Amino acid sequence: IALLSLGSEAKKYSSALIVFGFGFMTAVLGAAYPGWTWQSAGAFDWGYLLLTGFLGLSAQFLMTLSFVSLKSSIAAALGRSSILFSGILDITLAGYKPHPLEWLSYLTIVVGVFLSQQKKMPKKPVEI
């Protein structure tokens, strides 16, 4: 529901402000989480965190623009593909081995995005 309301909110606020608001509230809530102990990060970890943050911010900004500009059905299909990309990151970076049902869900996402991009064929009139 929140993603679908972005089209109406974008008429009042800029996309950059909407993305900043989501990111800021996530950072505030994450820092205020009680009982969390922080671990010190090395130089590689900071570089990885900055790169991940930049890519996440860019992706969120582009997805916000897509929900403003595209039809909601197409933008929703693109939003679902983020699950696929996070799965690819888990497999490549963390060495995670997905369960067969997870592979099925990845395949379902790919097929769904593919089908959402297909143009409808015009119906031929029935000859009698």
C-alpha atoms as a PDB file:
ATOM      1  CA  ILE A   1       0.000   0.000   0.000  1.00  0.00           C
ATOM      2  CA  ALA A   2       2.833   2.386   0.843  1.00  0.00           C
ATOM      3  CA  LEU A   3       4.536   1.817  -2.495  1.00  0.00           C
ATOM      4  CA  LEU A   4       1.320   2.388  -4.413  1.00  0.00           C
ATOM      5  CA  SER A   5       0.721   5.677  -2.586  1.00  0.00           C
ATOM      6  CA  LEU A   6       4.070   7.012  -3.775  1.00  0.00           C
ATOM      7  CA  GLY A   7       2.448   8.213  -6.983  1.00  0.00           C
ATOM      8  CA  SER A   8       0.207  10.607  -5.062  1.00  0.00           C
ATOM      9  CA  GLU A   9       2.919  11.615  -2.584  1.00  0.00           C
ATOM     10  CA  ALA A  10       5.352  12.417  -5.386  1.00  0.00           C
ATOM     11  CA  LYS A  11       3.013  15.199  -6.452  1.00  0.00           C
ATOM     12  CA  LYS A  12       3.630  16.900  -3.091  1.00  0.00           C
ATOM     13  CA  TYR A  13       7.257  15.923  -2.348  1.00  0.00           C
ATOM     14  CA  SER A  14      10.323  15.184  -4.453  1.00  0.00           C
ATOM     15  CA  SER A  15      11.478  11.573  -4.876  1.00  0.00           C
ATOM     16  CA  ALA A  16      14.799  12.425  -3.234  1.00  0.00           C
ATOM     17  CA  LEU A  17      13.008  13.665  -0.102  1.00  0.00           C
ATOM     18  CA  ILE A  18      10.895  10.498   0.091  1.00  0.00           C
ATOM     19  CA  VAL A  19      13.977   8.258  -0.199  1.00  0.00           C
ATOM     20  CA  PHE A  20      15.852  10.365   2.357  1.00  0.00           C
ATOM     21  CA  GLY A  21      12.932  10.107   4.773  1.00  0.00           C
ATOM     22  CA  PHE A  22      12.810   6.312   4.513  1.00  0.00           C
ATOM     23  CA  GLY A  23      16.586   6.049   4.921  1.00  0.00           C
ATOM     24  CA  PHE A  24      16.718   8.483   7.834  1.00  0.00           C
ATOM     25  CA  MET A  25      13.944   6.740   9.758  1.00  0.00           C
ATOM     26  CA  THR A  26      15.597   3.366   9.180  1.00  0.00           C
ATOM     27  CA  ALA A  27      18.906   4.717  10.515  1.00  0.00           C
ATOM     28  CA  VAL A  28      17.248   6.280  13.573  1.00  0.00           C
ATOM     29  CA  LEU A  29      15.282   3.146  14.410  1.00  0.00           C
ATOM     30  CA  GLY A  30      18.347   0.950  13.850  1.00  0.00           C
ATOM     31  CA  ALA A  31      20.504   3.098  16.147  1.00  0.00           C
ATOM     32  CA  ALA A  32      17.820   3.205  18.832  1.00  0.00           C
ATOM     33  CA  TYR A  33      17.357  -0.577  18.936  1.00  0.00           C
ATOM     34  CA  PRO A  34      17.990  -1.565  22.590  1.00  0.00           C
ATOM     35  CA  GLY A  35      20.398  -4.313  23.567  1.00  0.00           C
ATOM     36  CA  TRP A  36      22.446  -4.241  20.381  1.00  0.00           C
ATOM     37  CA  THR A  37      26.219  -4.411  20.791  1.00  0.00           C
ATOM     38  CA  TRP A  38      28.250  -2.949  17.963  1.00  0.00           C
ATOM     39  CA  GLN A  39      31.311  -4.731  16.653  1.00  0.00           C
ATOM     40  CA  SER A  40      34.299  -2.817  15.369  1.00  0.00           C
ATOM     41  CA  ALA A  41      34.723  -2.845  11.594  1.00  0.00           C
ATOM     42  CA  GLY A  42      37.960  -2.998   9.609  1.00  0.00           C
ATOM     43  CA  ALA A  43      38.839  -1.020   6.478  1.00  0.00           C
ATOM     44  CA  PHE A  44      37.434  -3.715   4.170  1.00  0.00           C
ATOM     45  CA  ASP A  45      34.191  -3.790   6.147  1.00  0.00           C
ATOM     46  CA  TRP A  46      33.786  -0.005   5.904  1.00  0.00           C
ATOM     47  CA  GLY A  47      34.395  -0.069   2.167  1.00  0.00           C
ATOM     48  CA  TYR A  48      31.889  -2.881   1.774  1.00  0.00           C
ATOM     49  CA  LEU A  49      29.339  -1.029   3.927  1.00  0.00           C
ATOM     50  CA  LEU A  50      29.761   2.208   1.961  1.00  0.00           C
ATOM     51  CA  LEU A  51      29.437   0.420  -1.374  1.00  0.00           C
ATOM     52  CA  THR A  52      26.385  -1.506  -0.187  1.00  0.00           C
ATOM     53  CA  GLY A  53      24.825   1.676   1.183  1.00  0.00           C
ATOM     54  CA  PHE A  54      25.443   3.564  -2.044  1.00  0.00           C
ATOM     55  CA  LEU A  55      23.995   0.766  -4.169  1.00  0.00           C
ATOM     56  CA  GLY A  56      20.997   0.435  -1.842  1.00  0.00           C
ATOM     57  CA  LEU A  57      20.348   4.181  -1.914  1.00  0.00           C
ATOM     58  CA  SER A  58      20.613   4.225  -5.702  1.00  0.00           C
ATOM     59  CA  ALA A  59      18.273   1.248  -6.042  1.00  0.00           C
ATOM     60  CA  GLN A  60      15.741   2.768  -3.635  1.00  0.00           C
ATOM     61  CA  PHE A  61      15.827   6.083  -5.482  1.00  0.00           C
ATOM     62  CA  LEU A  62      15.302   4.385  -8.846  1.00  0.00           C
ATOM     63  CA  MET A  63      12.498   2.181  -7.500  1.00  0.00           C
ATOM     64  CA  THR A  64      10.789   5.269  -6.071  1.00  0.00           C
ATOM     65  CA  LEU A  65      11.026   6.931  -9.470  1.00  0.00           C
ATOM     66  CA  SER A  66       9.645   3.814 -11.138  1.00  0.00           C
ATOM     67  CA  PHE A  67       6.584   3.777  -8.862  1.00  0.00           C
ATOM     68  CA  VAL A  68       6.014   7.452  -9.704  1.00  0.00           C
ATOM     69  CA  SER A  69       6.463   7.053 -13.468  1.00  0.00           C
ATOM     70  CA  LEU A  70       5.343   3.529 -14.392  1.00  0.00           C
ATOM     71  CA  LYS A  71       2.073   1.686 -14.098  1.00  0.00           C
ATOM     72  CA  SER A  72       1.832   0.099 -10.668  1.00  0.00           C
ATOM     73  CA  SER A  73       1.725  -3.462 -12.053  1.00  0.00           C
ATOM     74  CA  ILE A  74       5.027  -3.038 -13.896  1.00  0.00           C
ATOM     75  CA  ALA A  75       6.692  -1.235 -10.984  1.00  0.00           C
ATOM     76  CA  ALA A  76       5.519  -3.976  -8.594  1.00  0.00           C
ATOM     77  CA  ALA A  77       7.118  -6.617 -10.815  1.00  0.00           C
ATOM     78  CA  LEU A  78      10.382  -4.683 -10.689  1.00  0.00           C
ATOM     79  CA  GLY A  79      10.058  -4.428  -6.914  1.00  0.00           C
ATOM     80  CA  ARG A  80       9.668  -8.187  -6.638  1.00  0.00           C
ATOM     81  CA  SER A  81      12.911  -8.647  -8.536  1.00  0.00           C
ATOM     82  CA  SER A  82      14.770  -7.168  -5.549  1.00  0.00           C
ATOM     83  CA  ILE A  83      14.201 -10.527  -3.827  1.00  0.00           C
ATOM     84  CA  LEU A  84      16.070 -12.175  -6.683  1.00  0.00           C
ATOM     85  CA  PHE A  85      18.986  -9.748  -6.446  1.00  0.00           C
ATOM     86  CA  SER A  86      19.297 -10.196  -2.686  1.00  0.00           C
ATOM     87  CA  GLY A  87      19.296 -13.971  -3.227  1.00  0.00           C
ATOM     88  CA  ILE A  88      22.103 -13.631  -5.772  1.00  0.00           C
ATOM     89  CA  LEU A  89      24.108 -11.558  -3.276  1.00  0.00           C
ATOM     90  CA  ASP A  90      23.578 -14.214  -0.583  1.00  0.00           C
ATOM     91  CA  ILE A  91      24.786 -16.941  -2.920  1.00  0.00           C
ATOM     92  CA  THR A  92      27.811 -15.096  -4.295  1.00  0.00           C
ATOM     93  CA  LEU A  93      29.049 -13.184  -1.256  1.00  0.00           C
ATOM     94  CA  ALA A  94      27.987 -15.305   1.711  1.00  0.00           C
ATOM     95  CA  GLY A  95      28.186 -18.731   0.096  1.00  0.00           C
ATOM     96  CA  TYR A  96      24.570 -19.452   1.026  1.00  0.00           C
ATOM     97  CA  LYS A  97      23.005 -22.581  -0.461  1.00  0.00           C
ATOM     98  CA  PRO A  98      19.293 -22.010  -1.076  1.00  0.00           C
ATOM     99  CA  HIS A  99      16.651 -24.630  -0.383  1.00  0.00           C
ATOM    100  CA  PRO A 100      14.929 -26.061  -3.511  1.00  0.00           C
ATOM    101  CA  LEU A 101      11.784 -24.070  -2.668  1.00  0.00           C
ATOM    102  CA  GLU A 102      13.848 -20.885  -2.685  1.00  0.00           C
ATOM    103  CA  TRP A 103      15.118 -21.775  -6.164  1.00  0.00           C
ATOM    104  CA  LEU A 104      11.479 -22.232  -7.180  1.00  0.00           C
ATOM    105  CA  SER A 105      10.611 -18.793  -5.831  1.00  0.00           C
ATOM    106  CA  TYR A 106      13.524 -17.240  -7.758  1.00  0.00           C
ATOM    107  CA  LEU A 107      12.310 -18.942 -10.929  1.00  0.00           C
ATOM    108  CA  THR A 108       8.765 -17.724 -10.269  1.00  0.00           C
ATOM    109  CA  ILE A 109      10.025 -14.145  -9.941  1.00  0.00           C
ATOM    110  CA  VAL A 110      11.983 -14.340 -13.195  1.00  0.00           C
ATOM    111  CA  VAL A 111       8.992 -15.791 -15.066  1.00  0.00           C
ATOM    112  CA  GLY A 112       6.662 -13.192 -13.525  1.00  0.00           C
ATOM    113  CA  VAL A 113       8.882 -10.279 -14.539  1.00  0.00           C
ATOM    114  CA  PHE A 114       9.234 -11.779 -18.022  1.00  0.00           C
ATOM    115  CA  LEU A 115       5.471 -12.226 -18.390  1.00  0.00           C
ATOM    116  CA  SER A 116       4.747  -8.718 -17.134  1.00  0.00           C
ATOM    117  CA  GLN A 117       6.887  -7.307 -19.946  1.00  0.00           C
ATOM    118  CA  GLN A 118       5.128  -9.240 -22.697  1.00  0.00           C
ATOM    119  CA  LYS A 119       2.736  -7.360 -24.936  1.00  0.00           C
ATOM    120  CA  LYS A 120      -0.750  -8.733 -25.270  1.00  0.00           C
ATOM    121  CA  MET A 121      -1.471 -10.215 -28.654  1.00  0.00           C
ATOM    122  CA  PRO A 122      -4.605  -8.789 -30.274  1.00  0.00           C
ATOM    123  CA  LYS A 123      -7.432 -11.268 -30.443  1.00  0.00           C
ATOM    124  CA  LYS A 124      -8.336 -12.409 -33.907  1.00  0.00           C
ATOM    125  CA  PRO A 125     -12.024 -12.260 -34.746  1.00  0.00           C
ATOM    126  CA  VAL A 126     -13.742 -15.601 -34.876  1.00  0.00           C
ATOM    127  CA  GLU A 127     -14.900 -16.464 -38.342  1.00  0.00           C
ATOM    128  CA  ILE A 128     -18.229 -18.241 -38.673  1.00  0.00           C
END
